[in-house]
């Protein structure tokens, strides 16, 4: 799942539970907030005082974490293969 500024917070909470801790560390208490059902990640961050640049940085960080998780699950990824398989 690629996260964009238009991704609803509720989608992130539903499909990317592994990112909840990151959102909390960024000051977004989205887990229990009713606005998470309606707000995009951009709207939520801006409501907490983030600038456009900070919004971009957060989205980039979340997507990077998503990519790292995908790479670790990829059976063709050499870093996850045992020496025997190589």
Protein backbone atom coordinates (compact mmCIF):
# COMPACT_ATOMS: atom_id res chain seq x y z
CA UNK A 1 0.00 0.00 0.00
CA UNK A 2 1.51 3.30 -1.08
CA UNK A 3 0.71 6.20 1.21
CA UNK A 4 0.03 9.58 -0.36
CA UNK A 5 -1.08 12.87 1.17
CA UNK A 6 -4.63 11.86 0.22
CA UNK A 7 -4.57 8.50 2.00
CA UNK A 8 -7.13 8.42 4.78
CA UNK A 9 -5.72 7.81 8.22
CA UNK A 10 -8.32 5.06 8.72
CA UNK A 11 -6.83 3.16 5.73
CA UNK A 12 -3.37 3.31 7.28
CA UNK A 13 -4.76 2.08 10.61
CA UNK A 14 -6.69 -0.71 8.90
CA UNK A 15 -4.09 -1.98 6.43
CA UNK A 16 -0.80 -0.95 8.02
CA UNK A 17 -1.10 -1.66 11.72
CA UNK A 18 2.69 -1.81 11.88
CA UNK A 19 2.75 1.97 11.31
CA UNK A 20 0.56 2.85 14.31
CA UNK A 21 3.58 3.24 16.60
CA UNK A 22 5.21 5.57 14.06
CA UNK A 23 2.09 7.74 13.92
CA UNK A 24 1.97 7.92 17.71
CA UNK A 25 5.66 8.89 17.86
CA UNK A 26 4.92 11.70 15.40
CA UNK A 27 2.33 13.10 17.79
CA UNK A 28 -0.70 11.74 15.96
CA UNK A 29 -3.03 10.01 18.38
CA UNK A 30 -5.00 8.64 15.44
CA UNK A 31 -5.73 5.28 16.97
CA UNK A 32 -8.53 6.57 19.17
CA UNK A 33 -9.52 9.68 17.25
CA UNK A 34 -12.90 9.78 15.47
CA UNK A 35 -11.43 12.17 12.89
CA UNK A 36 -9.21 9.35 11.62
CA UNK A 37 -12.25 8.01 9.80
CA UNK A 38 -12.53 11.17 7.68
CA UNK A 39 -9.13 12.85 7.59
CA UNK A 40 -6.29 12.25 5.20
CA UNK A 41 -2.76 11.91 6.54
CA UNK A 42 -2.07 15.43 5.23
CA UNK A 43 -5.08 16.90 7.03
CA UNK A 44 -4.17 15.12 10.28
CA UNK A 45 -0.57 16.28 10.17
CA UNK A 46 -1.52 19.86 9.31
CA UNK A 47 -4.08 19.89 12.14
CA UNK A 48 -1.14 19.13 14.43
CA UNK A 49 0.93 21.98 13.00
CA UNK A 50 2.99 20.23 10.33
CA UNK A 51 4.25 22.22 7.35
CA UNK A 52 3.97 21.01 3.74
CA UNK A 53 7.61 19.91 3.89
CA UNK A 54 7.04 17.99 7.12
CA UNK A 55 4.00 16.27 5.56
CA UNK A 56 6.17 15.15 2.64
CA UNK A 57 8.89 13.91 5.01
CA UNK A 58 6.43 11.89 7.09
CA UNK A 59 4.86 10.29 4.02
CA UNK A 60 8.31 9.47 2.66
CA UNK A 61 9.28 7.88 5.99
CA UNK A 62 6.09 5.79 6.14
CA UNK A 63 6.52 4.60 2.55
CA UNK A 64 10.17 3.75 3.16
CA UNK A 65 9.15 1.60 6.10
CA UNK A 66 6.57 -0.05 3.85
CA UNK A 67 9.23 -0.79 1.22
CA UNK A 68 11.59 -2.23 3.82
CA UNK A 69 8.85 -4.52 5.11
CA UNK A 70 8.05 -5.70 1.56
CA UNK A 71 11.71 -6.39 0.83
CA UNK A 72 12.00 -8.51 3.95
CA UNK A 73 8.99 -10.60 2.90
CA UNK A 74 10.16 -11.04 -0.72
CA UNK A 75 11.27 -14.68 -1.11
CA UNK A 76 13.54 -13.65 -3.99
CA UNK A 77 15.38 -11.16 -1.80
CA UNK A 78 18.90 -12.48 -1.21
CA UNK A 79 19.00 -10.99 2.29
CA UNK A 80 16.22 -13.35 3.38
CA UNK A 81 17.65 -16.47 1.75
CA UNK A 82 19.76 -18.90 3.68
CA UNK A 83 23.30 -19.71 2.53
CA UNK A 84 22.09 -23.12 1.47
CA UNK A 85 19.56 -21.61 -0.95
CA UNK A 86 22.22 -19.43 -2.57
